[in-house]
Amino acid sequence: MSRLRRQLAALPAEFRDRSIAEEELAALADLAATGDPDIPRLRRSLLLIAGAIGSVSALGQGVRELREAVDLFGRSPRG
């Protein structure tokens, strides 16, 4: 999360959903810091982040790495 936050901060381009991505990255950091995060909430934040910055190719690798990190907490049940 920290790496993607730094990459986003360094990106000079402005885009409509940048604030959503920044807010959700901060929320993810808070959730992960609790030690026992709510997996569905982590996944929701990940989806919001991917939707907000998914079209910014310079951040694609960071989004993939974030997804892998969220997966380490466990997969959410499919319903």
N, C-alpha and C. Protein backbone atom coordinates (compact mmCIF):
# COMPACT_ATOMS: atom_id res chain seq x y z
N MET A 1 0.81 -1.18 0.00
CA MET A 1 0.00 0.00 0.00
C MET A 1 0.86 1.25 0.00
N SER A 2 1.89 1.22 0.78
CA SER A 2 2.76 2.39 0.86
C SER A 2 3.40 2.70 -0.48
N ARG A 3 3.85 1.66 -1.16
CA ARG A 3 4.50 1.87 -2.46
C ARG A 3 3.51 2.47 -3.47
N LEU A 4 2.30 1.93 -3.50
CA LEU A 4 1.31 2.46 -4.43
C LEU A 4 0.92 3.89 -4.06
N ARG A 5 0.84 4.17 -2.78
CA ARG A 5 0.55 5.54 -2.34
C ARG A 5 1.64 6.50 -2.81
N ARG A 6 2.89 6.08 -2.70
CA ARG A 6 4.00 6.93 -3.17
C ARG A 6 3.95 7.12 -4.69
N GLN A 7 3.68 6.04 -5.41
CA GLN A 7 3.58 6.13 -6.87
C GLN A 7 2.45 7.06 -7.28
N LEU A 8 1.33 6.97 -6.60
CA LEU A 8 0.19 7.83 -6.90
C LEU A 8 0.53 9.29 -6.59
N ALA A 9 1.20 9.52 -5.47
CA ALA A 9 1.57 10.89 -5.10
C ALA A 9 2.55 11.49 -6.10
N ALA A 10 3.41 10.66 -6.67
CA ALA A 10 4.42 11.15 -7.61
C ALA A 10 3.86 11.34 -9.02
N LEU A 11 2.68 10.80 -9.28
CA LEU A 11 2.08 10.90 -10.60
C LEU A 11 1.58 12.33 -10.83
N PRO A 12 2.12 13.02 -11.83
CA PRO A 12 1.74 14.42 -12.04
C PRO A 12 0.34 14.59 -12.63
N ALA A 13 -0.14 13.58 -13.30
CA ALA A 13 -1.44 13.68 -13.97
C ALA A 13 -2.57 13.70 -12.95
N GLU A 14 -3.53 14.56 -13.21
CA GLU A 14 -4.74 14.58 -12.41
C GLU A 14 -5.80 13.77 -13.13
N PHE A 15 -6.61 13.05 -12.39
CA PHE A 15 -7.71 12.32 -12.97
C PHE A 15 -8.86 12.35 -11.99
N ARG A 16 -10.04 12.14 -12.51
CA ARG A 16 -11.28 12.37 -11.77
C ARG A 16 -11.37 11.63 -10.44
N ASP A 17 -10.96 10.38 -10.39
CA ASP A 17 -11.15 9.56 -9.20
C ASP A 17 -9.90 9.43 -8.32
N ARG A 18 -8.96 10.33 -8.50
CA ARG A 18 -7.72 10.27 -7.73
C ARG A 18 -7.99 10.32 -6.22
N SER A 19 -8.88 11.18 -5.78
CA SER A 19 -9.16 11.31 -4.35
C SER A 19 -9.76 10.03 -3.78
N ILE A 20 -10.56 9.32 -4.59
CA ILE A 20 -11.12 8.05 -4.13
C ILE A 20 -10.00 7.05 -3.90
N ALA A 21 -9.07 6.97 -4.83
CA ALA A 21 -7.94 6.05 -4.69
C ALA A 21 -7.11 6.40 -3.45
N GLU A 22 -6.85 7.67 -3.24
CA GLU A 22 -6.06 8.09 -2.09
C GLU A 22 -6.77 7.74 -0.78
N GLU A 23 -8.07 7.99 -0.72
CA GLU A 23 -8.84 7.69 0.49
C GLU A 23 -8.88 6.19 0.78
N GLU A 24 -9.08 5.39 -0.26
CA GLU A 24 -9.15 3.94 -0.07
C GLU A 24 -7.79 3.35 0.28
N LEU A 25 -6.72 3.89 -0.27
CA LEU A 25 -5.39 3.42 0.13
C LEU A 25 -5.14 3.72 1.61
N ALA A 26 -5.57 4.87 2.07
CA ALA A 26 -5.43 5.20 3.50
C ALA A 26 -6.29 4.25 4.34
N ALA A 27 -7.50 3.95 3.88
CA ALA A 27 -8.37 3.03 4.60
C ALA A 27 -7.76 1.63 4.66
N LEU A 28 -7.17 1.19 3.54
CA LEU A 28 -6.51 -0.12 3.53
C LEU A 28 -5.36 -0.17 4.51
N ALA A 29 -4.60 0.87 4.57
CA ALA A 29 -3.47 0.91 5.51
C ALA A 29 -3.98 0.79 6.94
N ASP A 30 -5.06 1.48 7.24
CA ASP A 30 -5.64 1.39 8.59
C ASP A 30 -6.16 -0.02 8.87
N LEU A 31 -6.84 -0.61 7.91
CA LEU A 31 -7.36 -1.97 8.09
C LEU A 31 -6.24 -2.98 8.31
N ALA A 32 -5.20 -2.88 7.52
CA ALA A 32 -4.09 -3.82 7.63
C ALA A 32 -3.36 -3.66 8.95
N ALA A 33 -3.34 -2.45 9.48
CA ALA A 33 -2.63 -2.19 10.74
C ALA A 33 -3.33 -2.81 11.94
N THR A 34 -4.61 -3.15 11.81
CA THR A 34 -5.33 -3.72 12.94
C THR A 34 -4.86 -5.12 13.28
N GLY A 35 -4.23 -5.81 12.30
CA GLY A 35 -3.74 -7.15 12.55
C GLY A 35 -4.76 -8.23 12.23
N ASP A 36 -6.04 -7.91 12.27
CA ASP A 36 -7.10 -8.86 11.96
C ASP A 36 -8.14 -8.14 11.11
N PRO A 37 -7.76 -7.80 9.87
CA PRO A 37 -8.65 -6.98 9.05
C PRO A 37 -9.88 -7.73 8.55
N ASP A 38 -10.88 -6.98 8.23
CA ASP A 38 -12.12 -7.48 7.65
C ASP A 38 -11.86 -7.75 6.17
N ILE A 39 -11.80 -9.03 5.79
CA ILE A 39 -11.44 -9.41 4.43
C ILE A 39 -12.39 -8.82 3.38
N PRO A 40 -13.70 -8.90 3.56
CA PRO A 40 -14.58 -8.27 2.56
C PRO A 40 -14.34 -6.77 2.42
N ARG A 41 -14.02 -6.09 3.51
CA ARG A 41 -13.74 -4.65 3.44
C ARG A 41 -12.44 -4.39 2.69
N LEU A 42 -11.42 -5.23 2.92
CA LEU A 42 -10.17 -5.12 2.16
C LEU A 42 -10.44 -5.26 0.67
N ARG A 43 -11.22 -6.25 0.31
CA ARG A 43 -11.52 -6.50 -1.09
C ARG A 43 -12.34 -5.37 -1.71
N ARG A 44 -13.26 -4.80 -0.94
CA ARG A 44 -14.05 -3.68 -1.43
C ARG A 44 -13.14 -2.49 -1.74
N SER A 45 -12.22 -2.21 -0.81
CA SER A 45 -11.28 -1.12 -1.03
C SER A 45 -10.41 -1.38 -2.25
N LEU A 46 -9.96 -2.61 -2.40
CA LEU A 46 -9.14 -2.97 -3.56
C LEU A 46 -9.91 -2.72 -4.86
N LEU A 47 -11.19 -3.11 -4.89
CA LEU A 47 -12.00 -2.89 -6.09
C LEU A 47 -12.18 -1.40 -6.37
N LEU A 48 -12.40 -0.62 -5.33
CA LEU A 48 -12.55 0.83 -5.52
C LEU A 48 -11.26 1.44 -6.06
N ILE A 49 -10.14 1.00 -5.52
CA ILE A 49 -8.84 1.51 -5.98
C ILE A 49 -8.61 1.12 -7.44
N ALA A 50 -8.84 -0.14 -7.74
CA ALA A 50 -8.65 -0.60 -9.13
C ALA A 50 -9.56 0.15 -10.08
N GLY A 51 -10.79 0.41 -9.67
CA GLY A 51 -11.70 1.15 -10.51
C GLY A 51 -11.29 2.60 -10.69
N ALA A 52 -10.74 3.17 -9.63
CA ALA A 52 -10.36 4.58 -9.66
C ALA A 52 -9.09 4.82 -10.48
N ILE A 53 -8.13 3.89 -10.41
CA ILE A 53 -6.87 4.13 -11.10
C ILE A 53 -6.52 3.06 -12.12
N GLY A 54 -7.48 2.19 -12.41
CA GLY A 54 -7.23 1.08 -13.32
C GLY A 54 -6.81 1.50 -14.71
N SER A 55 -7.23 2.67 -15.14
CA SER A 55 -6.88 3.12 -16.49
C SER A 55 -5.54 3.85 -16.54
N VAL A 56 -4.90 4.03 -15.40
CA VAL A 56 -3.60 4.71 -15.35
C VAL A 56 -2.53 3.63 -15.45
N SER A 57 -2.02 3.44 -16.64
CA SER A 57 -1.10 2.33 -16.89
C SER A 57 0.17 2.40 -16.03
N ALA A 58 0.59 3.59 -15.67
CA ALA A 58 1.80 3.73 -14.86
C ALA A 58 1.63 3.12 -13.46
N LEU A 59 0.39 2.91 -13.03
CA LEU A 59 0.14 2.36 -11.70
C LEU A 59 -0.31 0.90 -11.75
N GLY A 60 -0.34 0.32 -12.93
CA GLY A 60 -0.82 -1.05 -13.08
C GLY A 60 -0.07 -2.07 -12.24
N GLN A 61 1.23 -1.99 -12.24
CA GLN A 61 2.03 -2.94 -11.46
C GLN A 61 1.74 -2.77 -9.97
N GLY A 62 1.61 -1.55 -9.51
CA GLY A 62 1.31 -1.31 -8.10
C GLY A 62 -0.04 -1.86 -7.70
N VAL A 63 -1.03 -1.77 -8.57
CA VAL A 63 -2.35 -2.33 -8.29
C VAL A 63 -2.26 -3.85 -8.22
N ARG A 64 -1.51 -4.46 -9.14
CA ARG A 64 -1.33 -5.92 -9.09
C ARG A 64 -0.66 -6.35 -7.79
N GLU A 65 0.36 -5.64 -7.38
CA GLU A 65 1.05 -5.98 -6.13
C GLU A 65 0.13 -5.80 -4.92
N LEU A 66 -0.71 -4.78 -4.96
CA LEU A 66 -1.66 -4.58 -3.88
C LEU A 66 -2.66 -5.73 -3.82
N ARG A 67 -3.12 -6.17 -4.97
CA ARG A 67 -4.04 -7.32 -5.00
C ARG A 67 -3.38 -8.55 -4.40
N GLU A 68 -2.13 -8.80 -4.75
CA GLU A 68 -1.41 -9.94 -4.19
C GLU A 68 -1.30 -9.82 -2.68
N ALA A 69 -1.07 -8.61 -2.18
CA ALA A 69 -0.97 -8.40 -0.73
C ALA A 69 -2.30 -8.65 -0.05
N VAL A 70 -3.39 -8.19 -0.64
CA VAL A 70 -4.71 -8.43 -0.07
C VAL A 70 -5.00 -9.93 -0.07
N ASP A 71 -4.60 -10.64 -1.12
CA ASP A 71 -4.81 -12.08 -1.18
C ASP A 71 -4.10 -12.82 -0.05
N LEU A 72 -3.03 -12.26 0.47
CA LEU A 72 -2.32 -12.90 1.57
C LEU A 72 -3.17 -13.00 2.84
N PHE A 73 -4.14 -12.10 2.98
CA PHE A 73 -5.03 -12.13 4.14
C PHE A 73 -6.09 -13.21 4.00
N GLY A 74 -6.24 -13.74 2.82
CA GLY A 74 -7.22 -14.80 2.57
C GLY A 74 -8.23 -14.36 1.53
N ARG A 75 -8.80 -15.33 0.93
CA ARG A 75 -9.79 -15.04 -0.11
C ARG A 75 -11.16 -14.92 0.54
N SER A 76 -11.96 -14.01 0.01
CA SER A 76 -13.32 -13.88 0.52
C SER A 76 -14.18 -14.95 -0.11
N PRO A 77 -15.17 -15.44 0.63
CA PRO A 77 -16.03 -16.48 0.08
C PRO A 77 -16.87 -15.96 -1.07
N ARG A 78 -17.05 -16.76 -2.06
CA ARG A 78 -17.89 -16.38 -3.22
C ARG A 78 -19.33 -16.73 -2.86
N GLY A 79 -20.22 -15.81 -3.19
CA GLY A 79 -21.60 -16.09 -2.83
C GLY A 79 -22.57 -15.97 -3.91
